[in-house]
Amino acid sequence: MKLYGFAFRAIAILFVFVTAVHADFTTLPAALAKDLASPDMKARVRARQLLPRHGVAAVDHLLPLLASEDQGVKLTAYNVLADIANAAAAPGREAERDTVARKLLTLLEPGQPDPVLYQGLRLLPIVAPQGFDFVQPIQPILVGTDTRAAEKARECLTLMATDSACDTMARAANAVNTPFAIALLDSVTMLRNPQSLDIVASYLNNLDP
């Protein structure tokens, strides 16, 4: 009986090993993202717990869910992306951080719905690294005619607090109305970035007091 039990356990272990070897784990984040958007609450809870563990591999599957009409799905997808971004921002994970930041930039592309754009502007400061120009897609939003989006962009750059973020806000002050220009310069002041001093000093001769 002992020999039979040993043989049974050996076969079971072998089966698990063979299954793991042949499993296509790259499809798992896609399946979990589908569960996250399903009406099955148990499946949603399980997906919420497991998706952050897949890190970068899950991001592409989560981004479309930010446009879901289901507020619960949208919020959960955002929270999972925030978890992944925070993990990628940890020291020693620079390559992962760079990848996640690039993927999040797609949320700022022209034509994105406003809620998706705002979510992207909230997520980017978590993961945008110093020394890389992630602000180029934000600049048109900052100086655009949509005042709410412009304010969200200012908040994003202020939280990002990189050299390029400060420079972008300082330069944009010359292309917007006076109250918003003052708000931008206040953000630069708060960040105390000496690199932006020359840009800010150029406004000393501005005709607007």
Protein backbone atom coordinates (compact mmCIF):
# COMPACT_ATOMS: atom_id res chain seq x y z
CA MET A 1 0.00 0.00 0.00
CA LYS A 2 2.88 2.34 0.84
CA LEU A 3 4.45 1.62 -2.54
CA TYR A 4 1.12 2.29 -4.28
CA GLY A 5 0.75 5.61 -2.42
CA PHE A 6 4.29 6.63 -3.33
CA ALA A 7 3.71 5.76 -6.99
CA PHE A 8 0.44 7.72 -7.03
CA ARG A 9 2.12 10.82 -5.57
CA ALA A 10 4.98 10.52 -8.06
CA ILE A 11 2.52 10.36 -10.97
CA ALA A 12 0.60 13.36 -9.61
CA ILE A 13 3.79 15.42 -9.29
CA LEU A 14 4.85 14.43 -12.79
CA PHE A 15 1.44 15.46 -14.15
CA VAL A 16 1.68 18.87 -12.50
CA PHE A 17 5.21 19.34 -13.84
CA VAL A 18 4.26 18.41 -17.40
CA THR A 19 1.19 20.66 -17.25
CA ALA A 20 3.32 23.58 -16.06
CA VAL A 21 5.88 23.04 -18.78
CA HIS A 22 3.28 23.09 -21.54
CA ALA A 23 1.03 25.82 -20.08
CA ASP A 24 0.85 29.09 -21.96
CA PHE A 25 1.30 31.52 -19.10
CA THR A 26 1.34 34.51 -21.47
CA THR A 27 -2.41 34.16 -21.90
CA LEU A 28 -3.13 34.22 -18.18
CA PRO A 29 -3.18 38.04 -17.78
CA ALA A 30 -5.61 38.24 -20.72
CA ALA A 31 -7.89 35.67 -19.12
CA LEU A 32 -7.74 37.46 -15.77
CA ALA A 33 -8.50 40.83 -17.39
CA LYS A 34 -11.51 39.22 -19.03
CA ASP A 35 -12.62 37.96 -15.62
CA LEU A 36 -12.14 41.45 -14.21
CA ALA A 37 -14.69 42.75 -16.71
CA SER A 38 -17.12 39.87 -16.25
CA PRO A 39 -20.39 40.04 -14.25
CA ASP A 40 -19.11 37.19 -12.05
CA MET A 41 -18.10 38.91 -8.80
CA LYS A 42 -16.05 35.95 -7.59
CA ALA A 43 -14.08 36.00 -10.83
CA ARG A 44 -13.58 39.74 -10.46
CA VAL A 45 -12.23 39.42 -6.94
CA ARG A 46 -9.84 36.65 -7.97
CA ALA A 47 -8.64 38.68 -10.97
CA ARG A 48 -8.10 41.73 -8.74
CA GLN A 49 -5.89 39.68 -6.45
CA LEU A 50 -3.85 37.95 -9.16
CA LEU A 51 -3.36 40.56 -11.88
CA PRO A 52 -0.81 42.74 -10.02
CA ARG A 53 1.48 39.71 -9.76
CA HIS A 54 1.87 39.68 -13.54
CA GLY A 55 3.30 43.20 -13.64
CA VAL A 56 4.14 44.55 -17.08
CA ALA A 57 2.55 41.55 -18.80
CA ALA A 58 -0.88 42.63 -17.53
CA VAL A 59 -0.74 46.31 -18.50
CA ASP A 60 -1.82 45.98 -22.14
CA HIS A 61 -4.83 43.92 -21.08
CA LEU A 62 -5.87 46.42 -18.41
CA LEU A 63 -5.62 49.67 -20.36
CA PRO A 64 -8.78 49.08 -22.46
CA LEU A 65 -10.77 48.48 -19.28
CA LEU A 66 -10.24 52.11 -18.26
CA ALA A 67 -12.83 53.03 -20.89
CA SER A 68 -15.40 50.56 -19.53
CA GLU A 69 -18.90 51.87 -18.93
CA ASP A 70 -18.98 49.81 -15.73
CA GLN A 71 -17.61 52.11 -13.02
CA GLY A 72 -16.58 49.15 -10.87
CA VAL A 73 -14.53 47.64 -13.69
CA LYS A 74 -12.97 50.99 -14.54
CA LEU A 75 -11.98 51.73 -10.93
CA THR A 76 -10.61 48.25 -10.32
CA ALA A 77 -8.54 48.33 -13.52
CA TYR A 78 -7.15 51.71 -12.46
CA ASN A 79 -6.25 50.38 -9.00
CA VAL A 80 -4.49 47.34 -10.47
CA LEU A 81 -2.51 49.57 -12.84
CA ALA A 82 -1.56 51.78 -9.88
CA ASP A 83 -0.32 48.69 -8.01
CA ILE A 84 1.76 47.62 -11.00
CA ALA A 85 3.15 51.13 -11.46
CA ASN A 86 4.13 51.39 -7.79
CA ALA A 87 5.89 48.02 -7.94
CA ALA A 88 7.72 48.99 -11.13
CA ALA A 89 8.91 52.23 -9.52
CA ALA A 90 10.87 50.33 -6.86
CA PRO A 91 14.69 50.64 -6.97
CA GLY A 92 16.37 48.12 -9.23
CA ARG A 93 13.42 47.77 -11.62
CA GLU A 94 14.34 50.55 -14.01
CA ALA A 95 13.67 48.60 -17.22
CA GLU A 96 10.22 47.57 -16.00
CA ARG A 97 9.51 51.12 -14.89
CA ASP A 98 10.43 52.48 -18.31
CA THR A 99 8.17 49.95 -20.05
CA VAL A 100 5.17 50.67 -17.84
CA ALA A 101 5.59 54.43 -18.28
CA ARG A 102 5.70 54.08 -22.07
CA LYS A 103 2.53 52.00 -22.05
CA LEU A 104 0.73 54.52 -19.84
CA LEU A 105 1.63 57.29 -22.28
CA THR A 106 -0.86 55.78 -24.73
CA LEU A 107 -3.62 57.02 -22.43
CA LEU A 108 -2.64 60.58 -23.39
CA GLU A 109 -2.94 60.10 -27.14
CA PRO A 110 -5.27 62.48 -29.03
CA GLY A 111 -8.82 61.22 -29.19
CA GLN A 112 -8.82 59.46 -25.84
CA PRO A 113 -12.01 60.04 -23.80
CA ASP A 114 -11.55 62.61 -21.05
CA PRO A 115 -11.90 60.08 -18.18
CA VAL A 116 -9.17 57.91 -19.71
CA LEU A 117 -6.93 60.94 -20.24
CA TYR A 118 -7.38 61.98 -16.60
CA GLN A 119 -6.56 58.48 -15.39
CA GLY A 120 -3.38 58.51 -17.45
CA LEU A 121 -2.36 61.86 -15.96
CA ARG A 122 -2.87 60.43 -12.46
CA LEU A 123 -0.92 57.24 -13.13
CA LEU A 124 2.11 58.68 -14.90
CA PRO A 125 3.64 60.50 -11.90
CA ILE A 126 3.90 57.18 -10.06
CA VAL A 127 6.25 55.69 -12.58
CA ALA A 128 7.78 58.42 -14.79
CA PRO A 129 11.54 58.28 -14.22
CA GLN A 130 13.94 61.18 -13.85
CA GLY A 131 16.12 61.78 -16.89
CA PHE A 132 13.62 60.61 -19.49
CA ASP A 133 11.38 62.91 -21.47
CA PHE A 134 7.88 61.73 -20.68
CA VAL A 135 6.42 65.22 -20.80
CA GLN A 136 6.23 65.77 -24.55
CA PRO A 137 2.67 64.35 -24.88
CA ILE A 138 1.59 66.41 -21.84
CA GLN A 139 2.72 69.78 -23.18
CA PRO A 140 -0.10 70.18 -25.75
CA ILE A 141 -2.64 69.36 -23.05
CA LEU A 142 -1.05 71.92 -20.74
CA VAL A 143 -1.41 74.78 -23.25
CA GLY A 144 -4.65 73.56 -24.84
CA THR A 145 -8.09 75.14 -24.69
CA ASP A 146 -9.56 72.50 -22.36
CA THR A 147 -9.01 74.21 -19.01
CA ARG A 148 -9.88 71.16 -16.92
CA ALA A 149 -7.47 68.94 -18.84
CA ALA A 150 -4.80 71.65 -18.59
CA GLU A 151 -5.18 71.76 -14.81
CA LYS A 152 -4.93 67.96 -14.65
CA ALA A 153 -1.75 68.19 -16.72
CA ARG A 154 -0.31 70.77 -14.31
CA GLU A 155 -1.09 68.49 -11.37
CA CYS A 156 0.53 65.58 -13.19
CA LEU A 157 3.76 67.49 -13.89
CA THR A 158 3.88 68.87 -10.35
CA LEU A 159 3.65 65.35 -8.90
CA MET A 160 6.13 64.05 -11.46
CA ALA A 161 8.64 66.66 -10.22
CA THR A 162 11.32 65.78 -12.77
CA ASP A 163 13.61 68.34 -14.41
CA SER A 164 11.73 68.10 -17.68
CA ALA A 165 8.39 68.47 -15.88
CA CYS A 166 9.56 71.72 -14.26
CA ASP A 167 10.93 73.07 -17.53
CA THR A 168 7.70 72.25 -19.34
CA MET A 169 5.60 74.15 -16.81
CA ALA A 170 8.00 77.10 -16.83
CA ARG A 171 7.96 77.38 -20.62
CA ALA A 172 4.20 76.92 -20.83
CA ALA A 173 3.67 79.97 -18.62
CA ASN A 174 4.44 82.08 -21.68
CA ALA A 175 1.66 80.46 -23.73
CA VAL A 176 -1.35 80.53 -21.39
CA ASN A 177 -3.57 83.11 -19.68
CA THR A 178 -2.22 85.02 -16.70
CA PRO A 179 -4.01 83.15 -13.87
CA PHE A 180 -2.89 79.77 -15.20
CA ALA A 181 0.63 81.09 -15.85
CA ILE A 182 0.81 82.09 -12.19
CA ALA A 183 -0.37 78.62 -11.15
CA LEU A 184 2.32 77.03 -13.31
CA LEU A 185 5.05 79.24 -11.87
CA ASP A 186 3.79 78.52 -8.36
CA SER A 187 4.25 74.80 -9.07
CA VAL A 188 7.79 75.42 -10.29
CA THR A 189 8.48 77.47 -7.15
CA MET A 190 7.17 74.72 -4.91
CA LEU A 191 9.45 72.14 -6.55
CA ARG A 192 12.51 74.36 -6.03
CA ASN A 193 14.24 73.12 -9.16
CA PRO A 194 17.28 75.34 -9.89
CA GLN A 195 17.43 74.09 -13.49
CA SER A 196 14.33 76.15 -14.31
CA LEU A 197 15.71 79.42 -12.95
CA ASP A 198 16.81 80.80 -16.31
CA ILE A 199 13.42 80.17 -17.87
CA VAL A 200 11.59 81.76 -14.94
CA ALA A 201 13.99 84.73 -14.87
CA SER A 202 13.06 85.53 -18.46
CA TYR A 203 9.59 86.55 -17.22
CA LEU A 204 10.98 89.38 -15.09
CA ASN A 205 10.64 91.67 -18.10
CA ASN A 206 7.07 90.60 -18.81
CA LEU A 207 4.73 93.55 -19.32
CA ASP A 208 2.04 91.88 -17.21
CA PRO A 209 2.74 92.81 -13.56
